[in-house]
Amino acid sequence: MSLTEKDKIAISLMIKYCNDISMLMERYGGDFQRYTSDISFEYSCGMCLIQIGELAGRVSEETMKSNPSVAWRAIRAMRNIHAHDYGSIDYSIVWDTLKHDIPDLKQKLSKILQDE
């Protein structure tokens, strides 16, 4: 399967936001207590998650079907919660996403581009 130029751009930008989250985790010490008490840390990570979800929505159906190891629906769901239902966010779930899912996502997205 060959990626469209639109898919390449969206996936590249998703990787950029994964890198931004990694940089924020380093800058703020990767500490959950700090995440929940420092609004700059929380909002910065939240904006990155929104952008990743928005970009996931731009990836073609063909590319999503060809890469089922990427949790495309969950990525969009996380975006929707951050964008539309901010008051009901479970910060421990978001933290787990930031610590574990984002590095995994970056690896999977990078492989999609490498295999191109």
N, C-alpha and C. Protein backbone atom coordinates (compact mmCIF):
# COMPACT_ATOMS: atom_id res chain seq x y z
N MET A 1 0.83 -1.18 0.00
CA MET A 1 0.00 0.00 0.00
C MET A 1 0.88 1.24 0.00
N SER A 2 0.53 2.20 -0.79
CA SER A 2 1.27 3.44 -0.88
C SER A 2 0.49 4.55 -0.19
N LEU A 3 1.18 5.31 0.65
CA LEU A 3 0.53 6.42 1.35
C LEU A 3 0.31 7.59 0.41
N THR A 4 -0.80 8.26 0.60
CA THR A 4 -1.03 9.50 -0.15
C THR A 4 -0.16 10.59 0.48
N GLU A 5 0.03 11.66 -0.24
CA GLU A 5 0.80 12.78 0.30
C GLU A 5 0.11 13.35 1.54
N LYS A 6 -1.22 13.38 1.52
CA LYS A 6 -2.00 13.86 2.66
C LYS A 6 -1.75 12.99 3.89
N ASP A 7 -1.70 11.66 3.70
CA ASP A 7 -1.42 10.74 4.81
C ASP A 7 -0.01 10.96 5.35
N LYS A 8 0.95 11.12 4.46
CA LYS A 8 2.34 11.35 4.88
C LYS A 8 2.45 12.61 5.74
N ILE A 9 1.78 13.66 5.31
CA ILE A 9 1.82 14.92 6.06
C ILE A 9 1.16 14.75 7.42
N ALA A 10 -0.02 14.15 7.45
CA ALA A 10 -0.74 13.97 8.72
C ALA A 10 0.07 13.11 9.68
N ILE A 11 0.63 12.02 9.21
CA ILE A 11 1.41 11.12 10.07
C ILE A 11 2.68 11.81 10.54
N SER A 12 3.33 12.55 9.67
CA SER A 12 4.54 13.30 10.07
C SER A 12 4.22 14.31 11.16
N LEU A 13 3.10 15.00 11.04
CA LEU A 13 2.71 15.97 12.06
C LEU A 13 2.31 15.28 13.36
N MET A 14 1.68 14.12 13.26
CA MET A 14 1.36 13.36 14.48
C MET A 14 2.65 13.00 15.22
N ILE A 15 3.67 12.59 14.48
CA ILE A 15 4.97 12.27 15.09
C ILE A 15 5.56 13.51 15.75
N LYS A 16 5.43 14.66 15.10
CA LYS A 16 5.92 15.92 15.67
C LYS A 16 5.27 16.18 17.03
N TYR A 17 3.95 15.99 17.12
CA TYR A 17 3.26 16.23 18.39
C TYR A 17 3.63 15.17 19.44
N CYS A 18 3.90 13.95 19.01
CA CYS A 18 4.42 12.94 19.94
C CYS A 18 5.76 13.40 20.50
N ASN A 19 6.61 13.94 19.63
CA ASN A 19 7.91 14.48 20.07
C ASN A 19 7.72 15.65 21.03
N ASP A 20 6.74 16.49 20.74
CA ASP A 20 6.46 17.63 21.63
C ASP A 20 6.06 17.14 23.02
N ILE A 21 5.24 16.10 23.07
CA ILE A 21 4.84 15.54 24.37
C ILE A 21 6.07 14.99 25.10
N SER A 22 6.93 14.30 24.38
CA SER A 22 8.15 13.77 25.01
C SER A 22 9.00 14.90 25.57
N MET A 23 9.11 15.99 24.84
CA MET A 23 9.88 17.14 25.29
C MET A 23 9.25 17.75 26.54
N LEU A 24 7.92 17.84 26.55
CA LEU A 24 7.22 18.38 27.72
C LEU A 24 7.41 17.48 28.94
N MET A 25 7.37 16.18 28.72
CA MET A 25 7.58 15.24 29.83
C MET A 25 8.98 15.43 30.42
N GLU A 26 9.97 15.62 29.56
CA GLU A 26 11.33 15.87 30.04
C GLU A 26 11.42 17.20 30.77
N ARG A 27 10.86 18.23 30.18
CA ARG A 27 10.94 19.58 30.76
C ARG A 27 10.30 19.64 32.15
N TYR A 28 9.17 18.96 32.30
CA TYR A 28 8.44 19.02 33.56
C TYR A 28 8.74 17.84 34.48
N GLY A 29 9.69 17.02 34.13
CA GLY A 29 10.13 15.94 35.00
C GLY A 29 9.30 14.67 34.94
N GLY A 30 8.33 14.60 34.03
CA GLY A 30 7.54 13.39 33.89
C GLY A 30 6.86 12.96 35.18
N ASP A 31 6.39 13.92 35.95
CA ASP A 31 5.83 13.67 37.27
C ASP A 31 4.32 13.91 37.26
N PHE A 32 3.53 12.89 37.63
CA PHE A 32 2.07 12.99 37.62
C PHE A 32 1.58 14.12 38.53
N GLN A 33 2.18 14.24 39.70
CA GLN A 33 1.78 15.29 40.65
C GLN A 33 1.96 16.67 40.00
N ARG A 34 3.06 16.84 39.32
CA ARG A 34 3.31 18.13 38.65
C ARG A 34 2.32 18.33 37.51
N TYR A 35 2.02 17.25 36.78
CA TYR A 35 1.06 17.33 35.68
C TYR A 35 -0.29 17.84 36.18
N THR A 36 -0.74 17.31 37.31
CA THR A 36 -2.06 17.69 37.82
C THR A 36 -2.07 19.03 38.53
N SER A 37 -0.89 19.57 38.84
CA SER A 37 -0.85 20.85 39.56
C SER A 37 -0.30 22.01 38.72
N ASP A 38 0.29 21.70 37.58
CA ASP A 38 0.88 22.75 36.73
C ASP A 38 0.04 22.89 35.47
N ILE A 39 -0.75 23.94 35.42
CA ILE A 39 -1.68 24.12 34.32
C ILE A 39 -0.98 24.24 32.96
N SER A 40 0.23 24.78 32.93
CA SER A 40 0.98 24.89 31.67
C SER A 40 1.32 23.51 31.13
N PHE A 41 1.76 22.63 32.00
CA PHE A 41 2.09 21.25 31.63
C PHE A 41 0.83 20.54 31.13
N GLU A 42 -0.22 20.63 31.91
CA GLU A 42 -1.48 19.95 31.57
C GLU A 42 -2.04 20.46 30.24
N TYR A 43 -2.15 21.77 30.09
CA TYR A 43 -2.74 22.33 28.87
C TYR A 43 -1.86 22.07 27.64
N SER A 44 -0.56 22.14 27.81
CA SER A 44 0.34 21.89 26.68
C SER A 44 0.18 20.46 26.17
N CYS A 45 0.17 19.51 27.08
CA CYS A 45 -0.02 18.11 26.68
C CYS A 45 -1.40 17.90 26.08
N GLY A 46 -2.42 18.53 26.68
CA GLY A 46 -3.77 18.41 26.15
C GLY A 46 -3.89 18.92 24.73
N MET A 47 -3.24 20.04 24.45
CA MET A 47 -3.29 20.59 23.09
C MET A 47 -2.60 19.64 22.10
N CYS A 48 -1.52 19.04 22.52
CA CYS A 48 -0.84 18.07 21.64
C CYS A 48 -1.76 16.87 21.37
N LEU A 49 -2.44 16.38 22.39
CA LEU A 49 -3.37 15.26 22.19
C LEU A 49 -4.51 15.65 21.25
N ILE A 50 -5.02 16.86 21.39
CA ILE A 50 -6.06 17.34 20.48
C ILE A 50 -5.54 17.35 19.04
N GLN A 51 -4.34 17.86 18.85
CA GLN A 51 -3.78 17.94 17.50
C GLN A 51 -3.54 16.55 16.91
N ILE A 52 -3.03 15.63 17.73
CA ILE A 52 -2.82 14.25 17.25
C ILE A 52 -4.15 13.65 16.82
N GLY A 53 -5.19 13.84 17.62
CA GLY A 53 -6.51 13.31 17.26
C GLY A 53 -7.09 13.94 16.03
N GLU A 54 -6.90 15.24 15.89
CA GLU A 54 -7.39 15.94 14.70
C GLU A 54 -6.70 15.41 13.45
N LEU A 55 -5.40 15.24 13.54
CA LEU A 55 -4.63 14.72 12.40
C LEU A 55 -4.99 13.28 12.07
N ALA A 56 -5.28 12.48 13.10
CA ALA A 56 -5.69 11.09 12.86
C ALA A 56 -6.97 11.05 12.02
N GLY A 57 -7.82 12.04 12.22
CA GLY A 57 -9.04 12.13 11.44
C GLY A 57 -8.82 12.47 9.98
N ARG A 58 -7.63 12.91 9.65
CA ARG A 58 -7.30 13.25 8.25
C ARG A 58 -6.65 12.08 7.50
N VAL A 59 -6.28 11.05 8.23
CA VAL A 59 -5.64 9.88 7.60
C VAL A 59 -6.71 9.10 6.84
N SER A 60 -6.35 8.65 5.64
CA SER A 60 -7.32 7.96 4.79
C SER A 60 -7.77 6.64 5.41
N GLU A 61 -8.97 6.26 5.06
CA GLU A 61 -9.54 4.99 5.53
C GLU A 61 -8.63 3.82 5.12
N GLU A 62 -8.08 3.88 3.94
CA GLU A 62 -7.21 2.83 3.43
C GLU A 62 -5.97 2.67 4.33
N THR A 63 -5.36 3.78 4.69
CA THR A 63 -4.18 3.73 5.54
C THR A 63 -4.54 3.21 6.94
N MET A 64 -5.68 3.64 7.46
CA MET A 64 -6.11 3.15 8.77
C MET A 64 -6.33 1.63 8.73
N LYS A 65 -7.00 1.16 7.71
CA LYS A 65 -7.27 -0.28 7.59
C LYS A 65 -5.98 -1.07 7.38
N SER A 66 -5.01 -0.48 6.71
CA SER A 66 -3.73 -1.15 6.47
C SER A 66 -2.83 -1.16 7.70
N ASN A 67 -3.19 -0.38 8.72
CA ASN A 67 -2.38 -0.26 9.92
C ASN A 67 -3.25 -0.40 11.17
N PRO A 68 -3.81 -1.59 11.37
CA PRO A 68 -4.74 -1.79 12.49
C PRO A 68 -4.07 -1.77 13.86
N SER A 69 -2.76 -1.82 13.91
CA SER A 69 -2.09 -1.77 15.22
C SER A 69 -2.15 -0.37 15.83
N VAL A 70 -2.46 0.62 15.02
CA VAL A 70 -2.64 1.99 15.53
C VAL A 70 -4.10 2.12 15.97
N ALA A 71 -4.30 2.59 17.18
CA ALA A 71 -5.65 2.71 17.75
C ALA A 71 -6.32 4.00 17.26
N TRP A 72 -6.63 4.05 15.99
CA TRP A 72 -7.14 5.27 15.36
C TRP A 72 -8.39 5.80 16.07
N ARG A 73 -9.33 4.92 16.39
CA ARG A 73 -10.58 5.35 17.04
C ARG A 73 -10.31 5.89 18.44
N ALA A 74 -9.43 5.24 19.17
CA ALA A 74 -9.10 5.70 20.53
C ALA A 74 -8.41 7.06 20.48
N ILE A 75 -7.59 7.27 19.48
CA ILE A 75 -6.91 8.56 19.31
C ILE A 75 -7.94 9.66 19.09
N ARG A 76 -8.89 9.41 18.23
CA ARG A 76 -9.96 10.39 17.97
C ARG A 76 -10.82 10.60 19.21
N ALA A 77 -11.08 9.52 19.94
CA ALA A 77 -11.89 9.63 21.16
C ALA A 77 -11.20 10.51 22.20
N MET A 78 -9.90 10.33 22.36
CA MET A 78 -9.14 11.15 23.31
C MET A 78 -9.21 12.62 22.89
N ARG A 79 -9.12 12.88 21.63
CA ARG A 79 -9.22 14.25 21.11
C ARG A 79 -10.59 14.83 21.45
N ASN A 80 -11.63 14.06 21.21
CA ASN A 80 -12.99 14.55 21.45
C ASN A 80 -13.23 14.85 22.92
N ILE A 81 -12.71 14.02 23.78
CA ILE A 81 -12.87 14.28 25.22
C ILE A 81 -12.17 15.58 25.60
N HIS A 82 -10.95 15.77 25.11
CA HIS A 82 -10.21 17.00 25.43
C HIS A 82 -10.87 18.24 24.83
N ALA A 83 -11.41 18.10 23.65
CA ALA A 83 -11.97 19.26 22.96
C ALA A 83 -13.40 19.59 23.41
N HIS A 84 -14.19 18.58 23.77
CA HIS A 84 -15.62 18.81 24.00
C HIS A 84 -16.13 18.49 25.39
N ASP A 85 -15.39 17.69 26.13
CA ASP A 85 -15.90 17.25 27.43
C ASP A 85 -14.81 17.35 28.48
N TYR A 86 -14.12 18.49 28.48
CA TYR A 86 -12.93 18.67 29.30
C TYR A 86 -13.17 18.43 30.78
N GLY A 87 -14.36 18.72 31.27
CA GLY A 87 -14.65 18.57 32.69
C GLY A 87 -14.69 17.14 33.17
N SER A 88 -14.79 16.18 32.27
CA SER A 88 -14.89 14.78 32.67
C SER A 88 -13.62 13.98 32.42
N ILE A 89 -12.51 14.66 32.25
CA ILE A 89 -11.24 13.97 31.97
C ILE A 89 -10.75 13.24 33.21
N ASP A 90 -10.36 11.99 33.01
CA ASP A 90 -9.73 11.20 34.06
C ASP A 90 -8.22 11.36 33.86
N TYR A 91 -7.60 12.14 34.73
CA TYR A 91 -6.20 12.49 34.55
C TYR A 91 -5.25 11.30 34.65
N SER A 92 -5.64 10.26 35.38
CA SER A 92 -4.77 9.09 35.45
C SER A 92 -4.75 8.36 34.10
N ILE A 93 -5.88 8.36 33.39
CA ILE A 93 -5.91 7.75 32.05
C ILE A 93 -5.09 8.58 31.08
N VAL A 94 -5.25 9.89 31.13
CA VAL A 94 -4.47 10.77 30.26
C VAL A 94 -2.98 10.60 30.54
N TRP A 95 -2.62 10.52 31.81
CA TRP A 95 -1.22 10.36 32.19
C TRP A 95 -0.65 9.05 31.61
N ASP A 96 -1.43 7.98 31.72
CA ASP A 96 -1.00 6.70 31.16
C ASP A 96 -0.81 6.82 29.65
N THR A 97 -1.70 7.55 29.01
CA THR A 97 -1.57 7.79 27.56
C THR A 97 -0.28 8.54 27.26
N LEU A 98 -0.01 9.59 28.02
CA LEU A 98 1.19 10.39 27.79
C LEU A 98 2.47 9.58 28.02
N LYS A 99 2.48 8.79 29.07
CA LYS A 99 3.68 8.04 29.45
C LYS A 99 3.93 6.81 28.58
N HIS A 100 2.85 6.12 28.18
CA HIS A 100 3.01 4.82 27.52
C HIS A 100 2.52 4.80 26.08
N ASP A 101 1.32 5.33 25.86
CA ASP A 101 0.72 5.22 24.53
C ASP A 101 1.38 6.14 23.51
N ILE A 102 1.77 7.32 23.93
CA ILE A 102 2.37 8.27 22.97
C ILE A 102 3.72 7.74 22.44
N PRO A 103 4.63 7.25 23.29
CA PRO A 103 5.87 6.69 22.73
C PRO A 103 5.60 5.50 21.80
N ASP A 104 4.61 4.67 22.15
CA ASP A 104 4.25 3.53 21.31
C ASP A 104 3.66 4.02 19.99
N LEU A 105 2.81 5.03 20.05
CA LEU A 105 2.22 5.60 18.84
C LEU A 105 3.30 6.15 17.93
N LYS A 106 4.24 6.88 18.50
CA LYS A 106 5.33 7.44 17.70
C LYS A 106 6.09 6.34 16.96
N GLN A 107 6.36 5.26 17.66
CA GLN A 107 7.08 4.14 17.05
C GLN A 107 6.27 3.54 15.89
N LYS A 108 4.98 3.33 16.10
CA LYS A 108 4.13 2.76 15.05
C LYS A 108 4.00 3.68 13.85
N LEU A 109 3.83 4.97 14.11
CA LEU A 109 3.72 5.93 13.01
C LEU A 109 5.03 6.04 12.23
N SER A 110 6.13 6.03 12.94
CA SER A 110 7.44 6.10 12.28
C SER A 110 7.64 4.89 11.37
N LYS A 111 7.20 3.72 11.84
CA LYS A 111 7.32 2.50 11.02
C LYS A 111 6.47 2.60 9.76
N ILE A 112 5.27 3.19 9.89
CA ILE A 112 4.42 3.36 8.69
C ILE A 112 5.15 4.19 7.65
N LEU A 113 5.77 5.27 8.07
CA LEU A 113 6.52 6.13 7.13
C LEU A 113 7.77 5.43 6.59
N GLN A 114 8.45 4.70 7.45
CA GLN A 114 9.66 3.98 7.01
C GLN A 114 9.35 2.91 5.99
N ASP A 115 8.22 2.24 6.17
CA ASP A 115 7.84 1.15 5.26
C ASP A 115 7.35 1.67 3.91
N GLU A 116 7.15 2.96 3.84
CA GLU A 116 6.63 3.59 2.63
C GLU A 116 7.63 3.48 1.52
